[in-house]
Amino acid sequence: MILKEKLLSDMKGAMKSRDSIRLNTIRIVKSEIKNQEINLRRELEDEEIITLISSQIKKRREAAALFQKGNRPELMQQELDELGVLEDYLPEQVSHEELQKRVEEIINDLAAQGPKDMGKVMKVIVPEFKGKADNSVIKEMVANSLGI
């Protein structure tokens, strides 16, 4: 529950410093956590909160891309600012080189070849880098390494 405590502490700090973007973003995350806890009828673990934050980050990226396409730079910037706040709560991101090295190792270990084995590789690597790397980046690396 350390992540929930950090969110609460940061929300109080954002209130005191009048940082509206940080405050609103944390409130949204806390609301999502509360809704999920009500649905599951139990408190969320840090791993589950990280998954929830990762999905919020994905939504922000998609929205920013759509706002950019729609020529709405002010709304795009707001989404990017919120995305920056959310990324503060994820574990340290793995480097591109380290991720690529691990993808190659897993492909070699599984003797994976071609598109039919992509699912096997993804099933192993995604849980290993949960919250530490964007799934779309992982998917792209695996596809490139398998020659898809």
C-alpha atoms as a PDB file:
ATOM      1  CA  MET A   1       0.000   0.000   0.000  1.00  0.00           C
ATOM      2  CA  ILE A   2       3.026   2.258  -0.157  1.00  0.00           C
ATOM      3  CA  LEU A   3       2.012   3.615  -3.574  1.00  0.00           C
ATOM      4  CA  LYS A   4      -1.431   4.660  -2.291  1.00  0.00           C
ATOM      5  CA  GLU A   5       0.217   6.508   0.586  1.00  0.00           C
ATOM      6  CA  LYS A   6       2.581   8.254  -1.814  1.00  0.00           C
ATOM      7  CA  LEU A   7      -0.369   9.324  -3.980  1.00  0.00           C
ATOM      8  CA  LEU A   8      -2.165  10.740  -0.934  1.00  0.00           C
ATOM      9  CA  SER A   9       0.955  12.569   0.242  1.00  0.00           C
ATOM     10  CA  ASP A  10       1.600  13.986  -3.246  1.00  0.00           C
ATOM     11  CA  MET A  11      -2.035  15.055  -3.535  1.00  0.00           C
ATOM     12  CA  LYS A  12      -1.721  17.027  -0.299  1.00  0.00           C
ATOM     13  CA  GLY A  13       1.500  18.589  -1.559  1.00  0.00           C
ATOM     14  CA  ALA A  14      -0.164  19.536  -4.850  1.00  0.00           C
ATOM     15  CA  MET A  15      -3.023  21.176  -2.928  1.00  0.00           C
ATOM     16  CA  LYS A  16      -0.588  23.230  -0.859  1.00  0.00           C
ATOM     17  CA  SER A  17       1.470  24.285  -3.884  1.00  0.00           C
ATOM     18  CA  ARG A  18      -1.658  24.883  -5.982  1.00  0.00           C
ATOM     19  CA  ASP A  19      -0.403  22.573  -8.748  1.00  0.00           C
ATOM     20  CA  SER A  20      -3.732  21.972 -10.470  1.00  0.00           C
ATOM     21  CA  ILE A  21      -2.453  19.552 -13.125  1.00  0.00           C
ATOM     22  CA  ARG A  22      -0.780  17.275 -10.566  1.00  0.00           C
ATOM     23  CA  LEU A  23      -3.759  17.550  -8.210  1.00  0.00           C
ATOM     24  CA  ASN A  24      -6.366  16.699 -10.860  1.00  0.00           C
ATOM     25  CA  THR A  25      -4.298  13.844 -12.259  1.00  0.00           C
ATOM     26  CA  ILE A  26      -3.783  12.286  -8.835  1.00  0.00           C
ATOM     27  CA  ARG A  27      -7.481  12.690  -8.043  1.00  0.00           C
ATOM     28  CA  ILE A  28      -8.364  10.807 -11.232  1.00  0.00           C
ATOM     29  CA  VAL A  29      -5.982   7.988 -10.328  1.00  0.00           C
ATOM     30  CA  LYS A  30      -7.273   7.802  -6.755  1.00  0.00           C
ATOM     31  CA  SER A  31     -10.828   7.669  -8.103  1.00  0.00           C
ATOM     32  CA  GLU A  32      -9.908   4.819 -10.450  1.00  0.00           C
ATOM     33  CA  ILE A  33      -8.253   2.975  -7.563  1.00  0.00           C
ATOM     34  CA  LYS A  34     -11.322   3.430  -5.379  1.00  0.00           C
ATOM     35  CA  ASN A  35     -13.664   2.219  -8.145  1.00  0.00           C
ATOM     36  CA  GLN A  36     -11.503  -0.843  -8.718  1.00  0.00           C
ATOM     37  CA  GLU A  37     -11.411  -1.584  -4.990  1.00  0.00           C
ATOM     38  CA  ILE A  38     -15.193  -1.342  -4.804  1.00  0.00           C
ATOM     39  CA  ASN A  39     -15.552  -3.707  -7.765  1.00  0.00           C
ATOM     40  CA  LEU A  40     -13.104  -6.232  -6.320  1.00  0.00           C
ATOM     41  CA  ARG A  41     -14.243  -5.721  -2.707  1.00  0.00           C
ATOM     42  CA  ARG A  42     -10.656  -5.534  -1.469  1.00  0.00           C
ATOM     43  CA  GLU A  43      -7.719  -3.136  -1.394  1.00  0.00           C
ATOM     44  CA  LEU A  44      -5.440  -3.043  -4.411  1.00  0.00           C
ATOM     45  CA  GLU A  45      -1.815  -4.092  -4.202  1.00  0.00           C
ATOM     46  CA  ASP A  46       0.944  -1.879  -5.587  1.00  0.00           C
ATOM     47  CA  GLU A  47       1.294  -4.078  -8.705  1.00  0.00           C
ATOM     48  CA  GLU A  48      -2.392  -3.618  -9.488  1.00  0.00           C
ATOM     49  CA  ILE A  49      -2.090   0.137  -8.980  1.00  0.00           C
ATOM     50  CA  ILE A  50       0.887   0.216 -11.350  1.00  0.00           C
ATOM     51  CA  THR A  51      -1.216  -1.620 -13.946  1.00  0.00           C
ATOM     52  CA  LEU A  52      -3.997   0.919 -13.457  1.00  0.00           C
ATOM     53  CA  ILE A  53      -1.561   3.839 -13.830  1.00  0.00           C
ATOM     54  CA  SER A  54      -0.083   2.223 -16.947  1.00  0.00           C
ATOM     55  CA  SER A  55      -3.537   2.091 -18.522  1.00  0.00           C
ATOM     56  CA  GLN A  56      -4.054   5.767 -17.650  1.00  0.00           C
ATOM     57  CA  ILE A  57      -0.738   6.579 -19.340  1.00  0.00           C
ATOM     58  CA  LYS A  58      -1.827   4.693 -22.450  1.00  0.00           C
ATOM     59  CA  LYS A  59      -5.073   6.695 -22.531  1.00  0.00           C
ATOM     60  CA  ARG A  60      -3.135   9.971 -22.227  1.00  0.00           C
ATOM     61  CA  ARG A  61      -0.782   9.010 -25.077  1.00  0.00           C
ATOM     62  CA  GLU A  62      -3.688   8.099 -27.336  1.00  0.00           C
ATOM     63  CA  ALA A  63      -5.555  11.299 -26.470  1.00  0.00           C
ATOM     64  CA  ALA A  64      -2.446  13.431 -27.060  1.00  0.00           C
ATOM     65  CA  ALA A  65      -1.961  11.838 -30.476  1.00  0.00           C
ATOM     66  CA  LEU A  66      -5.596  12.504 -31.380  1.00  0.00           C
ATOM     67  CA  PHE A  67      -5.401  16.110 -30.199  1.00  0.00           C
ATOM     68  CA  GLN A  68      -2.244  16.600 -32.232  1.00  0.00           C
ATOM     69  CA  LYS A  69      -3.969  15.157 -35.290  1.00  0.00           C
ATOM     70  CA  GLY A  70      -6.952  17.426 -34.613  1.00  0.00           C
ATOM     71  CA  ASN A  71      -4.677  20.478 -34.396  1.00  0.00           C
ATOM     72  CA  ARG A  72      -5.458  21.152 -30.712  1.00  0.00           C
ATOM     73  CA  PRO A  73      -2.009  21.852 -29.230  1.00  0.00           C
ATOM     74  CA  GLU A  74      -3.333  23.202 -25.907  1.00  0.00           C
ATOM     75  CA  LEU A  75      -5.286  20.012 -25.179  1.00  0.00           C
ATOM     76  CA  MET A  76      -2.391  17.874 -26.391  1.00  0.00           C
ATOM     77  CA  GLN A  77      -0.070  19.681 -23.984  1.00  0.00           C
ATOM     78  CA  GLN A  78      -2.469  19.120 -21.088  1.00  0.00           C
ATOM     79  CA  GLU A  79      -2.517  15.376 -21.820  1.00  0.00           C
ATOM     80  CA  LEU A  80       1.284  15.313 -22.020  1.00  0.00           C
ATOM     81  CA  ASP A  81       1.554  17.181 -18.703  1.00  0.00           C
ATOM     82  CA  GLU A  82      -0.766  14.666 -17.046  1.00  0.00           C
ATOM     83  CA  LEU A  83       1.222  11.843 -18.618  1.00  0.00           C
ATOM     84  CA  GLY A  84       4.392  13.259 -17.046  1.00  0.00           C
ATOM     85  CA  VAL A  85       2.738  13.270 -13.624  1.00  0.00           C
ATOM     86  CA  LEU A  86       1.603   9.658 -14.027  1.00  0.00           C
ATOM     87  CA  GLU A  87       5.037   8.456 -15.112  1.00  0.00           C
ATOM     88  CA  ASP A  88       6.405   9.580 -11.733  1.00  0.00           C
ATOM     89  CA  TYR A  89       4.531   6.686 -10.111  1.00  0.00           C
ATOM     90  CA  LEU A  90       5.844   3.926 -12.352  1.00  0.00           C
ATOM     91  CA  PRO A  91       8.947   1.937 -11.494  1.00  0.00           C
ATOM     92  CA  GLU A  92      12.162   3.033 -13.167  1.00  0.00           C
ATOM     93  CA  GLN A  93      11.880   2.362 -16.891  1.00  0.00           C
ATOM     94  CA  VAL A  94      14.201  -0.184 -18.444  1.00  0.00           C
ATOM     95  CA  SER A  95      16.673   1.002 -21.098  1.00  0.00           C
ATOM     96  CA  HIS A  96      16.085   0.255 -24.763  1.00  0.00           C
ATOM     97  CA  GLU A  97      19.313  -1.745 -24.989  1.00  0.00           C
ATOM     98  CA  GLU A  98      18.534  -3.838 -21.909  1.00  0.00           C
ATOM     99  CA  LEU A  99      15.054  -4.592 -23.200  1.00  0.00           C
ATOM    100  CA  GLN A 100      16.375  -5.548 -26.628  1.00  0.00           C
ATOM    101  CA  LYS A 101      18.964  -7.861 -25.043  1.00  0.00           C
ATOM    102  CA  ARG A 102      16.288  -9.602 -22.961  1.00  0.00           C
ATOM    103  CA  VAL A 103      13.991  -9.975 -25.988  1.00  0.00           C
ATOM    104  CA  GLU A 104      16.811 -11.702 -27.889  1.00  0.00           C
ATOM    105  CA  GLU A 105      17.524 -13.998 -24.914  1.00  0.00           C
ATOM    106  CA  ILE A 106      13.886 -15.050 -24.636  1.00  0.00           C
ATOM    107  CA  ILE A 107      13.605 -15.651 -28.385  1.00  0.00           C
ATOM    108  CA  ASN A 108      16.719 -17.843 -28.250  1.00  0.00           C
ATOM    109  CA  ASP A 109      15.512 -19.712 -25.136  1.00  0.00           C
ATOM    110  CA  LEU A 110      12.147 -20.466 -26.735  1.00  0.00           C
ATOM    111  CA  ALA A 111      13.670 -21.109 -30.176  1.00  0.00           C
ATOM    112  CA  ALA A 112      11.007 -18.783 -31.546  1.00  0.00           C
ATOM    113  CA  GLN A 113      10.800 -18.185 -35.277  1.00  0.00           C
ATOM    114  CA  GLY A 114       8.358 -16.055 -37.198  1.00  0.00           C
ATOM    115  CA  PRO A 115       4.942 -14.634 -36.425  1.00  0.00           C
ATOM    116  CA  LYS A 116       3.453 -17.869 -35.080  1.00  0.00           C
ATOM    117  CA  ASP A 117       5.750 -17.725 -32.030  1.00  0.00           C
ATOM    118  CA  MET A 118       5.141 -14.070 -31.186  1.00  0.00           C
ATOM    119  CA  GLY A 119       2.477 -14.964 -28.615  1.00  0.00           C
ATOM    120  CA  LYS A 120       4.826 -17.333 -26.782  1.00  0.00           C
ATOM    121  CA  VAL A 121       7.516 -14.651 -26.538  1.00  0.00           C
ATOM    122  CA  MET A 122       5.084 -11.938 -25.455  1.00  0.00           C
ATOM    123  CA  LYS A 123       3.611 -14.242 -22.786  1.00  0.00           C
ATOM    124  CA  VAL A 124       7.063 -14.518 -21.183  1.00  0.00           C
ATOM    125  CA  ILE A 125       8.402 -10.982 -21.573  1.00  0.00           C
ATOM    126  CA  VAL A 126       5.374  -8.799 -20.786  1.00  0.00           C
ATOM    127  CA  PRO A 127       4.995  -9.920 -17.133  1.00  0.00           C
ATOM    128  CA  GLU A 128       8.736  -9.546 -16.617  1.00  0.00           C
ATOM    129  CA  PHE A 129       8.705  -5.875 -17.661  1.00  0.00           C
ATOM    130  CA  LYS A 130       5.262  -4.934 -16.339  1.00  0.00           C
ATOM    131  CA  GLY A 131       5.314  -1.219 -15.554  1.00  0.00           C
ATOM    132  CA  LYS A 132       8.986  -0.967 -16.546  1.00  0.00           C
ATOM    133  CA  ALA A 133       8.430  -0.761 -20.302  1.00  0.00           C
ATOM    134  CA  ASP A 134       5.566   0.177 -22.586  1.00  0.00           C
ATOM    135  CA  ASN A 135       3.877  -2.900 -24.055  1.00  0.00           C
ATOM    136  CA  SER A 136       3.726  -1.356 -27.515  1.00  0.00           C
ATOM    137  CA  VAL A 137       7.519  -0.907 -27.445  1.00  0.00           C
ATOM    138  CA  ILE A 138       7.953  -4.516 -26.333  1.00  0.00           C
ATOM    139  CA  LYS A 139       5.638  -5.733 -29.091  1.00  0.00           C
ATOM    140  CA  GLU A 140       7.520  -3.738 -31.707  1.00  0.00           C
ATOM    141  CA  MET A 141      10.892  -5.118 -30.527  1.00  0.00           C
ATOM    142  CA  VAL A 142       9.644  -8.696 -30.524  1.00  0.00           C
ATOM    143  CA  ALA A 143       8.157  -8.274 -33.998  1.00  0.00           C
ATOM    144  CA  ASN A 144      11.402  -6.800 -35.350  1.00  0.00           C
ATOM    145  CA  SER A 145      13.487  -9.530 -33.744  1.00  0.00           C
ATOM    146  CA  LEU A 146      11.250 -12.243 -35.194  1.00  0.00           C
ATOM    147  CA  GLY A 147      11.421 -10.586 -38.614  1.00  0.00           C
ATOM    148  CA  ILE A 148       7.724  -9.750 -38.812  1.00  0.00           C
END
